[in-house]
Amino acid sequence: SGYDPEWQRVDTRAEFMNCLVRDPPDIIISDHVMPQFSSAEAL
């Protein structure tokens, strides 16, 4: 789609919160259901 993404993948609440605090992204793309975390929790 023409983007040049700089990206990071996380799958736990702790990793997610660390990214939000350390270097907030331009956008978040979240799987809905994962074993340790969910999109509702991330939201």
All heavy atoms as atom14 arrays in JSON, in Angstrom:
{
  "sequence": "SGYDPEWQRVDTRAEFMNCLVRDPPDIIISDHVMPQFSSAEAL",
  "atom14_mask": [
    [1, 1, 1, 1, 1, 1, 0, 0, 0, 0, 0, 0, 0, 0],
    [1, 1, 1, 1, 0, 0, 0, 0, 0, 0, 0, 0, 0, 0],
    [1, 1, 1, 1, 1, 1, 1, 1, 1, 1, 1, 1, 0, 0],
    [1, 1, 1, 1, 1, 1, 1, 1, 0, 0, 0, 0, 0, 0],
    [1, 1, 1, 1, 1, 1, 1, 0, 0, 0, 0, 0, 0, 0],
    [1, 1, 1, 1, 1, 1, 1, 1, 1, 0, 0, 0, 0, 0],
    [1, 1, 1, 1, 1, 1, 1, 1, 1, 1, 1, 1, 1, 1],
    [1, 1, 1, 1, 1, 1, 1, 1, 1, 0, 0, 0, 0, 0],
    [1, 1, 1, 1, 1, 1, 1, 1, 1, 1, 1, 0, 0, 0],
    [1, 1, 1, 1, 1, 1, 1, 0, 0, 0, 0, 0, 0, 0],
    [1, 1, 1, 1, 1, 1, 1, 1, 0, 0, 0, 0, 0, 0],
    [1, 1, 1, 1, 1, 1, 1, 0, 0, 0, 0, 0, 0, 0],
    [1, 1, 1, 1, 1, 1, 1, 1, 1, 1, 1, 0, 0, 0],
    [1, 1, 1, 1, 1, 0, 0, 0, 0, 0, 0, 0, 0, 0],
    [1, 1, 1, 1, 1, 1, 1, 1, 1, 0, 0, 0, 0, 0],
    [1, 1, 1, 1, 1, 1, 1, 1, 1, 1, 1, 0, 0, 0],
    [1, 1, 1, 1, 1, 1, 1, 1, 0, 0, 0, 0, 0, 0],
    [1, 1, 1, 1, 1, 1, 1, 1, 0, 0, 0, 0, 0, 0],
    [1, 1, 1, 1, 1, 1, 0, 0, 0, 0, 0, 0, 0, 0],
    [1, 1, 1, 1, 1, 1, 1, 1, 0, 0, 0, 0, 0, 0],
    [1, 1, 1, 1, 1, 1, 1, 0, 0, 0, 0, 0, 0, 0],
    [1, 1, 1, 1, 1, 1, 1, 1, 1, 1, 1, 0, 0, 0],
    [1, 1, 1, 1, 1, 1, 1, 1, 0, 0, 0, 0, 0, 0],
    [1, 1, 1, 1, 1, 1, 1, 0, 0, 0, 0, 0, 0, 0],
    [1, 1, 1, 1, 1, 1, 1, 0, 0, 0, 0, 0, 0, 0],
    [1, 1, 1, 1, 1, 1, 1, 1, 0, 0, 0, 0, 0, 0],
    [1, 1, 1, 1, 1, 1, 1, 1, 0, 0, 0, 0, 0, 0],
    [1, 1, 1, 1, 1, 1, 1, 1, 0, 0, 0, 0, 0, 0],
    [1, 1, 1, 1, 1, 1, 1, 1, 0, 0, 0, 0, 0, 0],
    [1, 1, 1, 1, 1, 1, 0, 0, 0, 0, 0, 0, 0, 0],
    [1, 1, 1, 1, 1, 1, 1, 1, 0, 0, 0, 0, 0, 0],
    [1, 1, 1, 1, 1, 1, 1, 1, 1, 1, 0, 0, 0, 0],
    [1, 1, 1, 1, 1, 1, 1, 0, 0, 0, 0, 0, 0, 0],
    [1, 1, 1, 1, 1, 1, 1, 1, 0, 0, 0, 0, 0, 0],
    [1, 1, 1, 1, 1, 1, 1, 0, 0, 0, 0, 0, 0, 0],
    [1, 1, 1, 1, 1, 1, 1, 1, 1, 0, 0, 0, 0, 0],
    [1, 1, 1, 1, 1, 1, 1, 1, 1, 1, 1, 0, 0, 0],
    [1, 1, 1, 1, 1, 1, 0, 0, 0, 0, 0, 0, 0, 0],
    [1, 1, 1, 1, 1, 1, 0, 0, 0, 0, 0, 0, 0, 0],
    [1, 1, 1, 1, 1, 0, 0, 0, 0, 0, 0, 0, 0, 0],
    [1, 1, 1, 1, 1, 1, 1, 1, 1, 0, 0, 0, 0, 0],
    [1, 1, 1, 1, 1, 0, 0, 0, 0, 0, 0, 0, 0, 0],
    [1, 1, 1, 1, 1, 1, 1, 1, 0, 0, 0, 0, 0, 0]
  ],
  "atom14_positions": [
    [[0.81, -1.22, 0.0], [0.0, 0.0, 0.0], [0.84, 1.27, 0.0], [0.31, 2.37, 0.14], [-0.93, 0.0, 1.22], [-1.83, -1.07, 1.14], [0.0, 0.0, 0.0], [0.0, 0.0, 0.0], [0.0, 0.0, 0.0], [0.0, 0.0, 0.0], [0.0, 0.0, 0.0], [0.0, 0.0, 0.0], [0.0, 0.0, 0.0], [0.0, 0.0, 0.0]],
    [[2.16, 1.12, -0.12], [3.03, 2.28, -0.24], [3.66, 2.76, 1.04], [4.35, 3.78, 1.06], [0.0, 0.0, 0.0], [0.0, 0.0, 0.0], [0.0, 0.0, 0.0], [0.0, 0.0, 0.0], [0.0, 0.0, 0.0], [0.0, 0.0, 0.0], [0.0, 0.0, 0.0], [0.0, 0.0, 0.0], [0.0, 0.0, 0.0], [0.0, 0.0, 0.0]],
    [[3.47, 2.05, 2.13], [4.09, 2.42, 3.4], [5.48, 1.78, 3.51], [5.74, 0.75, 2.92], [3.24, 1.98, 4.58], [1.96, 2.75, 4.71], [0.75, 2.19, 4.31], [1.95, 4.04, 5.21], [-0.44, 2.91, 4.41], [0.78, 4.77, 5.31], [-0.41, 4.18, 4.92], [-1.56, 4.9, 5.02], [0.0, 0.0, 0.0], [0.0, 0.0, 0.0]],
    [[6.32, 2.42, 4.28], [7.63, 1.88, 4.61], [7.65, 1.7, 6.13], [8.14, 2.56, 6.86], [8.73, 2.85, 4.16], [10.13, 2.29, 4.42], [10.26, 1.07, 4.63], [11.07, 3.09, 4.42], [0.0, 0.0, 0.0], [0.0, 0.0, 0.0], [0.0, 0.0, 0.0], [0.0, 0.0, 0.0], [0.0, 0.0, 0.0], [0.0, 0.0, 0.0]],
    [[7.07, 0.61, 6.61], [6.89, 0.48, 8.06], [8.16, 0.1, 8.82], [8.93, -0.74, 8.41], [5.85, -0.64, 8.18], [6.0, -1.45, 6.94], [6.49, -0.5, 5.87], [0.0, 0.0, 0.0], [0.0, 0.0, 0.0], [0.0, 0.0, 0.0], [0.0, 0.0, 0.0], [0.0, 0.0, 0.0], [0.0, 0.0, 0.0], [0.0, 0.0, 0.0]],
    [[8.32, 0.8, 9.93], [9.28, 0.41, 10.95], [8.4, -0.25, 11.99], [7.49, 0.37, 12.51], [9.96, 1.65, 11.53], [10.89, 1.38, 12.67], [11.42, 2.68, 13.26], [11.81, 3.58, 12.49], [11.4, 2.79, 14.5], [0.0, 0.0, 0.0], [0.0, 0.0, 0.0], [0.0, 0.0, 0.0], [0.0, 0.0, 0.0], [0.0, 0.0, 0.0]],
    [[8.61, -1.53, 12.27], [7.63, -2.24, 13.09], [8.28, -3.1, 14.17], [9.43, -3.46, 14.09], [6.73, -3.08, 12.21], [7.43, -4.16, 11.42], [8.18, -3.98, 10.28], [7.45, -5.55, 11.7], [8.65, -5.2, 9.86], [8.22, -6.18, 10.7], [6.88, -6.34, 12.71], [8.44, -7.55, 10.67], [7.09, -7.71, 12.69], [7.86, -8.3, 11.67]],
    [[7.43, -3.38, 15.14], [7.82, -4.26, 16.24], [6.6, -5.12, 16.58], [5.47, -4.65, 16.56], [8.24, -3.44, 17.45], [8.67, -4.3, 18.61], [9.27, -3.47, 19.73], [9.44, -2.26, 19.63], [9.59, -4.14, 20.83], [0.0, 0.0, 0.0], [0.0, 0.0, 0.0], [0.0, 0.0, 0.0], [0.0, 0.0, 0.0], [0.0, 0.0, 0.0]],
    [[6.87, -6.39, 16.87], [5.8, -7.32, 17.25], [5.91, -7.63, 18.73], [6.99, -7.89, 19.24], [5.9, -8.61, 16.44], [4.79, -9.62, 16.77], [4.98, -10.92, 16.01], [6.13, -11.66, 16.47], [6.13, -12.5, 17.52], [5.03, -12.7, 18.22], [7.23, -13.14, 17.86], [0.0, 0.0, 0.0], [0.0, 0.0, 0.0], [0.0, 0.0, 0.0]],
    [[4.78, -7.58, 19.42], [4.7, -7.96, 20.83], [3.5, -8.88, 21.01], [2.57, -8.87, 20.19], [4.56, -6.73, 21.76], [5.77, -5.8, 21.62], [3.28, -5.97, 21.5], [0.0, 0.0, 0.0], [0.0, 0.0, 0.0], [0.0, 0.0, 0.0], [0.0, 0.0, 0.0], [0.0, 0.0, 0.0], [0.0, 0.0, 0.0], [0.0, 0.0, 0.0]],
    [[3.51, -9.66, 22.09], [2.35, -10.52, 22.34], [1.98, -10.63, 23.82], [1.21, -11.5, 24.2], [2.52, -11.9, 21.7], [3.66, -12.71, 22.29], [4.39, -12.2, 23.17], [3.82, -13.87, 21.88], [0.0, 0.0, 0.0], [0.0, 0.0, 0.0], [0.0, 0.0, 0.0], [0.0, 0.0, 0.0], [0.0, 0.0, 0.0], [0.0, 0.0, 0.0]],
    [[2.55, -9.74, 24.64], [2.17, -9.73, 26.05], [1.85, -8.29, 26.47], [2.3, -7.33, 25.83], [3.31, -10.24, 26.96], [4.41, -9.33, 26.91], [3.74, -11.65, 26.58], [0.0, 0.0, 0.0], [0.0, 0.0, 0.0], [0.0, 0.0, 0.0], [0.0, 0.0, 0.0], [0.0, 0.0, 0.0], [0.0, 0.0, 0.0], [0.0, 0.0, 0.0]],
    [[1.1, -8.18, 27.53], [0.74, -6.86, 28.06], [2.0, -6.07, 28.47], [2.1, -4.88, 28.18], [-0.2, -7.03, 29.25], [-0.61, -5.72, 29.88], [-1.44, -5.97, 31.15], [-1.76, -4.71, 31.77], [-2.91, -4.07, 31.64], [-3.88, -4.59, 30.91], [-3.1, -2.92, 32.25], [0.0, 0.0, 0.0], [0.0, 0.0, 0.0], [0.0, 0.0, 0.0]],
    [[2.95, -6.74, 29.11], [4.17, -6.06, 29.58], [4.95, -5.48, 28.4], [5.39, -4.32, 28.45], [5.04, -7.03, 30.38], [0.0, 0.0, 0.0], [0.0, 0.0, 0.0], [0.0, 0.0, 0.0], [0.0, 0.0, 0.0], [0.0, 0.0, 0.0], [0.0, 0.0, 0.0], [0.0, 0.0, 0.0], [0.0, 0.0, 0.0], [0.0, 0.0, 0.0]],
    [[5.14, -6.26, 27.34], [5.85, -5.77, 26.15], [5.09, -4.61, 25.51], [5.7, -3.61, 25.1], [6.01, -6.88, 25.11], [6.91, -8.01, 25.51], [6.85, -9.16, 24.53], [5.76, -9.46, 23.98], [7.91, -9.77, 24.31], [0.0, 0.0, 0.0], [0.0, 0.0, 0.0], [0.0, 0.0, 0.0], [0.0, 0.0, 0.0], [0.0, 0.0, 0.0]],
    [[3.78, -4.76, 25.44], [2.94, -3.72, 24.85], [3.06, -2.41, 25.61], [3.31, -1.35, 25.03], [1.48, -4.21, 24.82], [0.52, -3.25, 24.17], [0.5, -3.08, 22.81], [-0.37, -2.53, 24.95], [-0.38, -2.2, 22.21], [-1.27, -1.65, 24.36], [-1.28, -1.49, 22.98], [0.0, 0.0, 0.0], [0.0, 0.0, 0.0], [0.0, 0.0, 0.0]],
    [[2.92, -2.47, 26.93], [3.01, -1.26, 27.75], [4.4, -0.63, 27.65], [4.51, 0.6, 27.59], [2.67, -1.58, 29.2], [1.21, -1.94, 29.43], [0.07, -0.66, 28.85], [0.5, 0.69, 29.94], [0.0, 0.0, 0.0], [0.0, 0.0, 0.0], [0.0, 0.0, 0.0], [0.0, 0.0, 0.0], [0.0, 0.0, 0.0], [0.0, 0.0, 0.0]],
    [[5.43, -1.44, 27.61], [6.78, -0.93, 27.47], [6.93, -0.13, 26.16], [7.51, 0.95, 26.16], [7.79, -2.08, 27.51], [9.22, -1.59, 27.48], [9.58, -0.61, 28.12], [10.04, -2.28, 26.72], [0.0, 0.0, 0.0], [0.0, 0.0, 0.0], [0.0, 0.0, 0.0], [0.0, 0.0, 0.0], [0.0, 0.0, 0.0], [0.0, 0.0, 0.0]],
    [[6.38, -0.64, 25.08], [6.44, 0.07, 23.79], [5.65, 1.37, 23.83], [6.09, 2.38, 23.27], [5.91, -0.82, 22.67], [7.04, -2.15, 22.25], [0.0, 0.0, 0.0], [0.0, 0.0, 0.0], [0.0, 0.0, 0.0], [0.0, 0.0, 0.0], [0.0, 0.0, 0.0], [0.0, 0.0, 0.0], [0.0, 0.0, 0.0], [0.0, 0.0, 0.0]],
    [[4.49, 1.35, 24.48], [3.69, 2.58, 24.56], [4.43, 3.67, 25.33], [4.39, 4.84, 24.96], [2.35, 2.31, 25.24], [1.31, 1.52, 24.47], [0.01, 1.44, 25.27], [1.05, 2.09, 23.1], [0.0, 0.0, 0.0], [0.0, 0.0, 0.0], [0.0, 0.0, 0.0], [0.0, 0.0, 0.0], [0.0, 0.0, 0.0], [0.0, 0.0, 0.0]],
    [[5.11, 3.28, 26.39], [5.82, 4.25, 27.23], [7.12, 4.7, 26.58], [7.43, 5.89, 26.53], [6.1, 3.64, 28.63], [7.04, 4.52, 29.44], [4.8, 3.4, 29.37], [0.0, 0.0, 0.0], [0.0, 0.0, 0.0], [0.0, 0.0, 0.0], [0.0, 0.0, 0.0], [0.0, 0.0, 0.0], [0.0, 0.0, 0.0], [0.0, 0.0, 0.0]],
    [[7.87, 3.76, 26.06], [9.21, 4.04, 25.52], [9.16, 4.78, 24.19], [9.87, 5.76, 24.0], [9.97, 2.72, 25.36], [11.39, 2.83, 24.9], [12.1, 1.48, 24.86], [11.25, 0.37, 24.53], [11.09, -0.14, 23.29], [11.75, 0.36, 22.28], [10.29, -1.17, 23.08], [0.0, 0.0, 0.0], [0.0, 0.0, 0.0], [0.0, 0.0, 0.0]],
    [[8.32, 4.32, 23.26], [8.31, 4.9, 21.92], [6.94, 4.66, 21.28], [6.77, 3.71, 20.52], [9.42, 4.27, 21.07], [9.57, 4.93, 19.72], [9.19, 6.11, 19.58], [10.09, 4.27, 18.8], [0.0, 0.0, 0.0], [0.0, 0.0, 0.0], [0.0, 0.0, 0.0], [0.0, 0.0, 0.0], [0.0, 0.0, 0.0], [0.0, 0.0, 0.0]],
    [[5.96, 5.5, 21.59], [4.61, 5.28, 21.05], [4.63, 5.24, 19.52], [5.26, 6.06, 18.87], [3.83, 6.5, 21.55], [4.59, 7.0, 22.72], [6.03, 6.69, 22.43], [0.0, 0.0, 0.0], [0.0, 0.0, 0.0], [0.0, 0.0, 0.0], [0.0, 0.0, 0.0], [0.0, 0.0, 0.0], [0.0, 0.0, 0.0], [0.0, 0.0, 0.0]],
    [[3.94, 4.26, 18.95], [3.91, 4.12, 17.49], [2.91, 5.08, 16.85], [2.14, 5.75, 17.54], [3.43, 2.67, 17.31], [2.53, 2.46, 18.49], [3.19, 3.21, 19.62], [0.0, 0.0, 0.0], [0.0, 0.0, 0.0], [0.0, 0.0, 0.0], [0.0, 0.0, 0.0], [0.0, 0.0, 0.0], [0.0, 0.0, 0.0], [0.0, 0.0, 0.0]],
    [[2.92, 5.11, 15.52], [1.94, 5.89, 14.77], [0.6, 5.17, 14.71], [-0.46, 5.8, 14.65], [2.41, 6.13, 13.33], [3.7, 6.93, 13.28], [3.85, 7.88, 14.09], [4.57, 6.61, 12.44], [0.0, 0.0, 0.0], [0.0, 0.0, 0.0], [0.0, 0.0, 0.0], [0.0, 0.0, 0.0], [0.0, 0.0, 0.0], [0.0, 0.0, 0.0]],
    [[0.67, 3.84, 14.72], [-0.55, 3.03, 14.64], [-0.3, 1.68, 15.29], [0.83, 1.2, 15.35], [-1.01, 2.86, 13.16], [-2.46, 2.38, 13.09], [-0.06, 1.97, 12.37], [-3.17, 2.74, 11.82], [0.0, 0.0, 0.0], [0.0, 0.0, 0.0], [0.0, 0.0, 0.0], [0.0, 0.0, 0.0], [0.0, 0.0, 0.0], [0.0, 0.0, 0.0]],
    [[-1.38, 1.08, 15.8], [-1.32, -0.24, 16.42], [-2.22, -1.17, 15.62], [-3.37, -0.83, 15.31], [-1.8, -0.2, 17.88], [-0.89, 0.71, 18.71], [-1.87, -1.61, 18.48], [-1.45, 1.08, 20.08], [0.0, 0.0, 0.0], [0.0, 0.0, 0.0], [0.0, 0.0, 0.0], [0.0, 0.0, 0.0], [0.0, 0.0, 0.0], [0.0, 0.0, 0.0]],
    [[-1.68, -2.33, 15.27], [-2.45, -3.38, 14.6], [-2.43, -4.57, 15.54], [-1.36, -5.08, 15.88], [-1.84, -3.73, 13.23], [-1.85, -2.49, 12.32], [-2.58, -4.9, 12.6], [-1.06, -2.65, 11.05], [0.0, 0.0, 0.0], [0.0, 0.0, 0.0], [0.0, 0.0, 0.0], [0.0, 0.0, 0.0], [0.0, 0.0, 0.0], [0.0, 0.0, 0.0]],
    [[-3.62, -4.99, 15.97], [-3.69, -6.02, 17.01], [-4.54, -7.21, 16.59], [-5.68, -7.05, 16.16], [-4.27, -5.42, 18.28], [-4.4, -6.4, 19.29], [0.0, 0.0, 0.0], [0.0, 0.0, 0.0], [0.0, 0.0, 0.0], [0.0, 0.0, 0.0], [0.0, 0.0, 0.0], [0.0, 0.0, 0.0], [0.0, 0.0, 0.0], [0.0, 0.0, 0.0]],
    [[-3.97, -8.4, 16.78], [-4.76, -9.62, 16.66], [-5.84, -9.56, 17.73], [-5.63, -8.96, 18.79], [-3.85, -10.83, 16.87], [-4.52, -12.17, 16.57], [-5.68, -12.18, 16.09], [-3.88, -13.21, 16.8], [0.0, 0.0, 0.0], [0.0, 0.0, 0.0], [0.0, 0.0, 0.0], [0.0, 0.0, 0.0], [0.0, 0.0, 0.0], [0.0, 0.0, 0.0]],
    [[-6.96, -10.17, 17.46], [-8.06, -10.08, 18.41], [-7.87, -10.99, 19.62], [-8.03, -10.58, 20.75], [-9.38, -10.38, 17.7], [-10.57, -10.25, 18.58], [-10.82, -9.12, 19.33], [-11.57, -11.11, 18.86], [-11.94, -9.28, 20.01], [-12.41, -10.48, 19.75], [0.0, 0.0, 0.0], [0.0, 0.0, 0.0], [0.0, 0.0, 0.0], [0.0, 0.0, 0.0]],
    [[-7.51, -12.25, 19.37], [-7.38, -13.22, 20.46], [-6.02, -13.89, 20.39], [-5.62, -14.41, 19.36], [-8.49, -14.3, 20.36], [-8.33, -15.33, 21.46], [-9.86, -13.68, 20.41], [0.0, 0.0, 0.0], [0.0, 0.0, 0.0], [0.0, 0.0, 0.0], [0.0, 0.0, 0.0], [0.0, 0.0, 0.0], [0.0, 0.0, 0.0], [0.0, 0.0, 0.0]],
    [[-5.31, -13.82, 21.51], [-4.01, -14.48, 21.64], [-3.99, -15.2, 22.99], [-4.79, -14.88, 23.86], [-2.89, -13.43, 21.58], [-2.82, -12.7, 20.26], [-1.67, -11.32, 20.32], [-2.61, -10.17, 21.31], [0.0, 0.0, 0.0], [0.0, 0.0, 0.0], [0.0, 0.0, 0.0], [0.0, 0.0, 0.0], [0.0, 0.0, 0.0], [0.0, 0.0, 0.0]],
    [[-3.07, -16.13, 23.17], [-3.04, -16.87, 24.42], [-2.83, -15.99, 25.67], [-3.42, -16.25, 26.71], [-1.85, -17.83, 24.25], [-1.67, -17.96, 22.78], [-2.11, -16.65, 22.2], [0.0, 0.0, 0.0], [0.0, 0.0, 0.0], [0.0, 0.0, 0.0], [0.0, 0.0, 0.0], [0.0, 0.0, 0.0], [0.0, 0.0, 0.0], [0.0, 0.0, 0.0]],
    [[-2.0, -14.93, 25.58], [-1.65, -14.15, 26.76], [-2.25, -12.74, 26.78], [-2.07, -12.02, 27.76], [-0.13, -14.03, 26.86], [0.57, -15.35, 27.0], [2.07, -15.16, 27.09], [2.55, -14.25, 27.75], [2.82, -16.02, 26.42], [0.0, 0.0, 0.0], [0.0, 0.0, 0.0], [0.0, 0.0, 0.0], [0.0, 0.0, 0.0], [0.0, 0.0, 0.0]],
    [[-2.92, -12.34, 25.71], [-3.33, -10.95, 25.58], [-4.46, -10.88, 24.55], [-4.61, -11.79, 23.75], [-2.11, -10.15, 25.1], [-2.13, -8.67, 25.38], [-2.65, -8.13, 26.53], [-1.57, -7.8, 24.45], [-2.63, -6.76, 26.76], [-1.53, -6.44, 24.67], [-2.06, -5.91, 25.83], [0.0, 0.0, 0.0], [0.0, 0.0, 0.0], [0.0, 0.0, 0.0]],
    [[-5.23, -9.81, 24.55], [-6.29, -9.67, 23.55], [-6.35, -8.23, 23.06], [-5.81, -7.32, 23.7], [-7.65, -10.06, 24.15], [-8.09, -9.05, 25.05], [0.0, 0.0, 0.0], [0.0, 0.0, 0.0], [0.0, 0.0, 0.0], [0.0, 0.0, 0.0], [0.0, 0.0, 0.0], [0.0, 0.0, 0.0], [0.0, 0.0, 0.0], [0.0, 0.0, 0.0]],
    [[-7.03, -8.03, 21.95], [-7.18, -6.67, 21.41], [-7.97, -5.8, 22.38], [-7.68, -4.61, 22.53], [-7.83, -6.7, 20.04], [-9.14, -7.22, 20.1], [0.0, 0.0, 0.0], [0.0, 0.0, 0.0], [0.0, 0.0, 0.0], [0.0, 0.0, 0.0], [0.0, 0.0, 0.0], [0.0, 0.0, 0.0], [0.0, 0.0, 0.0], [0.0, 0.0, 0.0]],
    [[-8.95, -6.36, 23.05], [-9.74, -5.58, 24.01], [-8.86, -5.09, 25.16], [-8.97, -3.94, 25.59], [-10.91, -6.41, 24.54], [0.0, 0.0, 0.0], [0.0, 0.0, 0.0], [0.0, 0.0, 0.0], [0.0, 0.0, 0.0], [0.0, 0.0, 0.0], [0.0, 0.0, 0.0], [0.0, 0.0, 0.0], [0.0, 0.0, 0.0], [0.0, 0.0, 0.0]],
    [[-7.96, -5.95, 25.64], [-7.05, -5.55, 26.71], [-6.06, -4.48, 26.21], [-5.78, -3.51, 26.92], [-6.26, -6.76, 27.22], [-7.09, -7.76, 27.99], [-6.29, -9.01, 28.29], [-6.03, -9.79, 27.37], [-5.9, -9.17, 29.48], [0.0, 0.0, 0.0], [0.0, 0.0, 0.0], [0.0, 0.0, 0.0], [0.0, 0.0, 0.0], [0.0, 0.0, 0.0]],
    [[-5.55, -4.67, 25.0], [-4.61, -3.7, 24.43], [-5.29, -2.34, 24.23], [-4.72, -1.3, 24.55], [-4.05, -4.21, 23.11], [0.0, 0.0, 0.0], [0.0, 0.0, 0.0], [0.0, 0.0, 0.0], [0.0, 0.0, 0.0], [0.0, 0.0, 0.0], [0.0, 0.0, 0.0], [0.0, 0.0, 0.0], [0.0, 0.0, 0.0], [0.0, 0.0, 0.0]],
    [[-6.52, -2.37, 23.75], [-7.27, -1.14, 23.54], [-7.5, -0.42, 24.88], [-7.38, 0.79, 24.97], [-8.6, -1.46, 22.86], [-9.4, -0.32, 22.28], [-8.58, 0.5, 21.3], [-10.64, -0.87, 21.58], [0.0, 0.0, 0.0], [0.0, 0.0, 0.0], [0.0, 0.0, 0.0], [0.0, 0.0, 0.0], [0.0, 0.0, 0.0], [0.0, 0.0, 0.0]]
  ]
}
